[in-house]
Protein backbone atom coordinates (compact mmCIF):
# COMPACT_ATOMS: atom_id res chain seq x y z
CA MET A 1 0.12 0.07 -0.05
CA GLY A 2 1.43 3.30 -1.39
CA PRO A 3 1.40 6.57 0.85
CA MET A 4 -1.31 7.51 -1.23
CA GLU A 5 -3.33 4.93 -0.11
CA ASN A 6 -2.23 5.60 3.39
CA PHE A 7 -3.28 9.07 2.91
CA ASN A 8 -6.64 8.26 1.39
CA GLU A 9 -7.48 5.78 4.37
CA PHE A 10 -6.66 8.07 6.92
CA SER A 11 -8.52 10.83 5.24
CA THR A 12 -11.42 8.80 5.32
CA GLN A 13 -11.14 7.49 8.74
CA SER A 14 -10.95 10.97 9.93
CA LEU A 15 -13.90 12.28 8.07
CA GLU A 16 -16.32 9.40 9.42
CA SER A 17 -14.73 10.16 12.85
CA LEU A 18 -15.69 13.74 12.44
CA LEU A 19 -19.01 12.99 11.06
CA LEU A 20 -19.49 10.93 13.93
CA PHE A 21 -18.27 13.50 16.43
CA LEU A 22 -20.14 16.16 15.05
CA PRO A 23 -23.70 15.53 16.73
CA ARG A 24 -22.07 15.26 20.13
CA LEU A 25 -20.60 18.36 19.36
CA ALA A 26 -23.85 19.91 18.35
CA GLY A 27 -25.38 18.43 21.38
CA ALA A 28 -22.64 19.74 23.74
CA CYS A 29 -23.26 23.28 22.35
CA LEU A 30 -26.82 22.71 23.00
CA ILE A 31 -26.61 21.57 26.58
CA LEU A 32 -24.37 24.96 27.20
CA LEU A 33 -26.48 26.82 25.68
CA GLY A 34 -29.58 25.33 27.51
CA ALA A 35 -27.74 25.84 30.82
CA PHE A 36 -27.11 29.34 30.09
CA TYR A 37 -30.67 30.40 29.49
CA LEU A 38 -32.16 27.55 32.23
CA GLY A 39 -29.45 29.39 34.51
CA ARG A 40 -31.02 32.98 33.50
CA MET A 41 -34.59 31.80 34.00
CA LEU A 42 -34.12 30.13 37.24
CA ALA A 43 -32.06 32.98 38.87
CA ARG A 44 -34.96 35.49 37.76
CA ALA A 45 -37.51 33.36 38.97
CA ILE A 46 -35.85 32.53 42.34
CA GLY A 47 -34.88 36.40 42.73
CA LEU A 48 -37.96 37.54 42.57
CA ILE A 49 -39.50 34.80 45.12
CA LEU A 50 -36.49 35.76 47.65
CA SER A 51 -37.69 39.46 46.76
CA LYS A 52 -41.25 38.79 47.96
CA MET A 53 -40.28 36.81 50.65
CA SER A 54 -37.89 39.19 52.16
CA GLY A 55 -38.99 42.62 51.40
CA LEU A 56 -35.79 43.34 49.99
CA GLN A 57 -33.92 43.42 46.62
CA ILE A 58 -30.32 44.33 48.17
CA HIS A 59 -28.80 40.84 47.23
CA ASP A 60 -31.09 40.03 44.13
CA THR A 61 -27.89 40.51 42.40
CA PHE A 62 -25.71 38.30 44.31
CA PHE A 63 -28.39 35.29 44.27
CA ARG A 64 -28.79 35.82 40.62
CA SER A 65 -25.29 35.50 39.45
CA LEU A 66 -24.93 32.39 42.02
CA ILE A 67 -27.55 30.53 40.47
CA ARG A 68 -26.29 31.48 36.92
CA LEU A 69 -22.99 30.37 37.93
CA ILE A 70 -23.97 26.90 39.40
CA VAL A 71 -26.34 25.76 36.58
CA PHE A 72 -23.74 26.68 34.25
CA TYR A 73 -20.92 25.20 35.83
CA PHE A 74 -23.10 21.43 35.53
CA GLY A 75 -23.81 22.59 32.28
CA ILE A 76 -20.21 22.19 31.11
CA VAL A 77 -19.84 19.13 32.99
CA LEU A 78 -22.90 17.71 31.10
CA ALA A 79 -21.46 18.83 27.80
CA LEU A 80 -17.82 17.12 28.51
CA ASN A 81 -19.60 13.82 28.92
CA ILE A 82 -21.65 13.97 25.90
CA VAL A 83 -18.44 14.28 23.67
CA GLY A 84 -16.62 11.73 25.51
CA LEU A 85 -14.58 13.88 27.74
CA GLU A 86 -15.50 11.88 30.90
CA THR A 87 -12.19 11.57 32.58
CA LEU A 88 -12.31 15.73 32.37
CA ALA A 89 -15.43 16.68 33.41
CA LEU A 90 -14.55 13.88 36.65
CA SER A 91 -11.35 15.66 37.42
CA ILE A 92 -13.51 19.35 36.90
CA LEU A 93 -16.40 18.12 39.69
CA ALA A 94 -13.34 16.64 42.27
CA GLY A 95 -11.29 20.13 41.34
CA GLY A 96 -14.60 21.96 42.14
CA GLY A 97 -14.93 20.43 45.59
CA VAL A 98 -11.40 20.30 46.64
CA THR A 99 -11.06 23.91 45.64
CA ALA A 100 -13.90 24.59 47.89
CA ILE A 101 -12.43 22.88 50.69
CA VAL A 102 -9.42 24.72 50.38
CA LEU A 103 -11.34 28.15 50.05
CA GLY A 104 -13.26 27.42 52.69
CA PHE A 105 -10.49 26.78 55.00
CA ALA A 106 -8.65 29.70 53.74
CA PHE A 107 -11.36 32.51 53.85
CA ARG A 108 -13.32 31.14 56.74
CA GLU A 109 -14.40 34.20 58.04
CA ILE A 110 -15.48 35.44 54.49
CA GLY A 111 -17.56 32.24 54.25
CA GLU A 112 -19.14 32.68 57.54
CA ASN A 113 -20.01 36.50 56.51
CA PHE A 114 -21.15 35.44 53.50
CA LEU A 115 -23.47 32.39 55.14
CA ALA A 116 -24.64 34.79 57.70
CA GLY A 117 -25.59 37.50 54.73
CA ILE A 118 -27.60 34.84 53.20
CA PHE A 119 -29.62 33.80 56.46
CA LEU A 120 -30.01 37.63 57.23
CA ALA A 121 -31.70 38.07 53.90
CA PHE A 122 -34.42 35.68 55.06
CA SER A 123 -35.28 36.88 58.09
CA ARG A 124 -33.63 40.56 58.71
CA PRO A 125 -34.09 42.20 61.91
CA PHE A 126 -33.68 45.59 60.49
CA ASN A 127 -33.75 47.61 57.20
CA VAL A 128 -32.11 50.41 55.38
CA GLY A 129 -32.82 53.45 57.69
CA ASP A 130 -33.25 51.71 60.92
CA LEU A 131 -31.55 52.88 64.16
CA ILE A 132 -29.57 49.70 65.56
CA ASN A 133 -27.13 48.81 68.25
CA SER A 134 -24.87 45.39 68.30
CA GLU A 135 -22.44 44.75 70.80
CA GLY A 136 -21.91 48.67 71.24
CA LEU A 137 -21.97 49.54 67.55
CA GLU A 138 -24.98 52.14 66.87
CA GLY A 139 -26.21 53.90 64.06
CA ARG A 140 -28.66 54.13 61.00
CA VAL A 141 -28.48 51.36 58.60
CA LYS A 142 -27.33 53.04 55.22
CA SER A 143 -26.51 50.13 52.84
CA ILE A 144 -26.83 46.03 53.75
CA SER A 145 -24.62 43.58 51.73
CA LEU A 146 -23.99 39.72 52.19
CA ARG A 147 -20.40 40.79 53.87
CA PHE A 148 -21.35 43.48 56.29
CA THR A 149 -23.87 46.15 57.19
CA HIS A 150 -22.92 49.68 56.84
CA LEU A 151 -23.66 52.05 59.80
CA ARG A 152 -23.78 55.34 59.84
CA ALA A 153 -23.00 56.48 63.82
CA VAL A 154 -24.66 59.95 65.28
CA ASP A 155 -21.17 61.93 65.04
CA GLY A 156 -20.48 61.00 61.44
CA ARG A 157 -18.65 57.73 61.69
CA ASP A 158 -19.08 54.92 59.22
CA ILE A 159 -19.48 51.60 60.79
CA TYR A 160 -19.30 48.49 58.54
CA VAL A 161 -20.39 45.66 60.76
CA PRO A 162 -19.71 41.74 59.93
CA SER A 163 -22.96 39.93 59.11
CA SER A 164 -21.82 37.08 61.11
CA GLN A 165 -21.70 39.68 64.38
CA LEU A 166 -25.44 40.66 63.27
CA PHE A 167 -26.33 36.90 62.69
CA SER A 168 -24.72 35.31 66.15
CA LYS A 169 -24.93 38.58 68.36
CA PRO A 170 -28.01 40.56 69.93
CA VAL A 171 -29.12 43.25 67.71
CA ILE A 172 -31.04 46.11 69.23
CA ASN A 173 -33.55 47.92 66.46
CA TYR A 174 -34.71 51.41 67.95
CA THR A 175 -37.05 51.68 64.91
CA ARG A 176 -38.96 48.31 63.98
CA ASP A 177 -42.61 49.69 64.49
CA GLY A 178 -41.56 53.31 64.92
CA LEU A 179 -42.17 53.87 68.18
CA ARG A 180 -39.48 55.19 70.82
CA ARG A 181 -39.54 56.19 74.38
CA PHE A 182 -37.53 59.08 75.58
CA THR A 183 -36.99 59.77 79.25
CA PHE A 184 -35.52 62.43 81.10
CA ASN A 185 -35.32 63.43 85.06
CA VAL A 186 -35.67 66.80 86.96
CA GLY A 187 -35.03 67.66 90.18
CA ILE A 188 -37.59 69.55 92.81
CA ASP A 189 -37.30 70.37 96.50
CA TYR A 190 -38.08 68.31 99.17
CA ALA A 191 -40.91 70.76 100.83
CA ASN A 192 -42.35 70.23 97.29
CA ASP A 193 -46.03 68.12 96.58
CA ALA A 194 -43.50 65.34 94.30
CA LYS A 195 -47.09 63.35 93.69
CA ALA A 196 -48.79 66.68 92.76
CA ALA A 197 -45.40 67.50 90.45
CA CYS A 198 -45.95 64.08 88.63
CA TYR A 199 -49.44 64.65 87.71
CA LEU A 200 -48.45 68.30 86.44
CA LEU A 201 -45.55 66.78 84.37
CA GLU A 202 -47.90 64.43 82.61
CA ASP A 203 -50.75 66.81 82.09
CA ALA A 204 -47.92 69.25 80.37
CA VAL A 205 -45.94 66.53 78.30
CA GLY A 206 -49.59 65.12 77.19
CA LYS A 207 -50.39 68.78 75.43
CA ILE A 208 -47.25 68.57 73.23
CA ALA A 209 -48.12 68.35 69.70
CA GLY A 210 -45.99 65.23 68.43
CA VAL A 211 -46.30 63.13 71.79
CA LEU A 212 -48.14 60.14 71.33
CA GLU A 213 -51.51 59.15 73.28
CA GLU A 214 -50.77 55.50 73.05
CA PRO A 215 -48.39 54.77 74.40
CA SER A 216 -49.35 57.20 77.24
CA CYS A 217 -46.44 59.41 78.93
CA ALA A 218 -45.86 58.91 82.66
CA ALA A 219 -44.13 60.45 85.52
CA THR A 220 -42.99 58.93 88.61
CA ILE A 221 -40.80 59.73 91.65
CA ASN A 222 -37.35 58.04 90.49
CA ALA A 223 -35.39 58.75 93.75
CA LEU A 224 -34.51 60.54 96.43
CA GLU A 225 -31.17 62.20 96.21
CA PRO A 226 -29.40 63.90 98.95
CA GLY A 227 -30.35 67.77 97.62
CA TYR A 228 -33.55 67.21 95.65
CA VAL A 229 -36.39 64.60 94.83
CA GLU A 230 -35.65 63.27 91.38
CA LEU A 231 -38.94 62.97 89.07
CA SER A 232 -38.53 60.82 85.72
CA VAL A 233 -41.03 61.98 83.11
CA SER A 234 -41.24 59.53 79.83
CA TYR A 235 -43.00 60.02 76.45
CA TRP A 236 -43.69 58.18 73.38
CA GLN A 237 -42.92 58.99 69.78
CA ASN A 238 -43.30 57.94 66.63
CA VAL A 239 -39.83 58.32 64.45
CA PHE A 240 -41.57 57.28 60.95
CA ASP A 241 -43.25 60.56 61.33
CA GLU A 242 -41.56 62.89 58.78
CA ALA A 243 -43.59 65.73 60.28
CA VAL A 244 -42.26 65.38 63.68
CA ASP A 245 -38.90 66.89 64.52
CA GLY A 246 -37.35 64.71 67.44
CA LYS A 247 -34.94 66.92 68.46
CA GLN A 248 -37.66 70.00 68.52
CA LEU A 249 -40.27 67.75 69.95
CA ARG A 250 -37.41 67.03 73.10
CA ILE A 251 -37.42 70.82 73.79
CA ASN A 252 -40.45 71.67 73.69
CA VAL A 253 -41.37 68.75 76.11
CA ILE A 254 -38.62 69.71 78.58
CA ASP A 255 -39.13 73.45 78.54
CA SER A 256 -43.28 72.89 78.99
CA CYS A 257 -42.47 70.84 82.00
CA ARG A 258 -40.19 73.66 83.10
CA LYS A 259 -42.84 76.21 82.77
CA ALA A 260 -45.32 73.77 84.45
CA LEU A 261 -42.90 73.94 87.61
CA LEU A 262 -42.35 77.22 87.90
CA GLU A 263 -45.64 78.59 86.98
CA ASN A 264 -46.97 76.12 90.05
CA ASN A 265 -44.19 77.00 92.28
CA PHE A 266 -42.32 74.48 92.77
CA THR A 267 -38.68 75.33 93.94
CA VAL A 268 -36.14 74.28 91.13
CA SER A 269 -34.44 77.77 91.59
CA ALA A 270 -30.62 78.12 92.28
CA ASP A 271 -31.46 77.97 96.06
CA THR A 272 -31.56 74.22 96.06
CA THR A 273 -29.61 71.58 94.18
CA SER A 274 -31.59 71.08 91.12
CA ASN A 275 -30.89 68.59 88.03
CA VAL A 276 -32.19 67.98 85.06
CA ALA A 277 -30.69 65.07 82.94
CA VAL A 278 -31.81 63.93 79.43
CA SER A 279 -31.63 59.94 78.00
CA GLY A 280 -33.20 58.77 74.94
CA LYS A 281 -31.69 59.34 71.76
CA ILE A 282 -33.32 61.00 68.82
CA GLU A 283 -31.15 61.29 65.88
CA ASN A 284 -31.61 62.91 62.80
CA TYR A 285 -29.57 61.79 59.86
């Protein structure tokens, strides 16, 4: 058999192999194309479901990308099996598993934050705009991501709290339902009628616009200090009501109490030890 005949036989065998391979190659391409569009459809559908369940669209981009990547990854493995590259497909699966384990150990804290962020996406104890406190870190929520939550503190500091902390540690949400109670203390003379002063203060606070009727305001005798009787006054505000300026409301409430005490001859002058201490925070960001 001459060289030409060998070449013709080789060409014929190669052509036959190519013709046999082409359907499998076309099938693999269709699998990849189907995986691409299937990933997009699943990502869109699951993204809509998650946004309706959690009421948030903050993690929508992440979940869509993750789902598309997973579907396309398995599409590649299936396509390799169709074209006869089973060994390569198995190595990709095994390599992916080993890589995931190695990366899991190397970036354990990052992984914890991502997982915590995913769990928080389903049962979020706070939303953007809420005032929260976690382990002494307090501020208004400016943005939420899977790895961390961005807080703006009252003094202007930007605090980035890891999701793992927000998931595993207690979180105080001051604005979950919009109701906030604020308290301040005032001192009067021992010779004054403390009980009458409490009724007077309750009446004065209840007349201030912006103070909620329910829950109602209250005034009580808080302590007997060495130089004065300490009264504690509390009132409630709806911080979701944009028509009410919290700082101005505090000024109005305290000043109204001061005037009521003076106009009814309670002694809060410099002749006795008097005290005004304000607690409860109202921040406008």
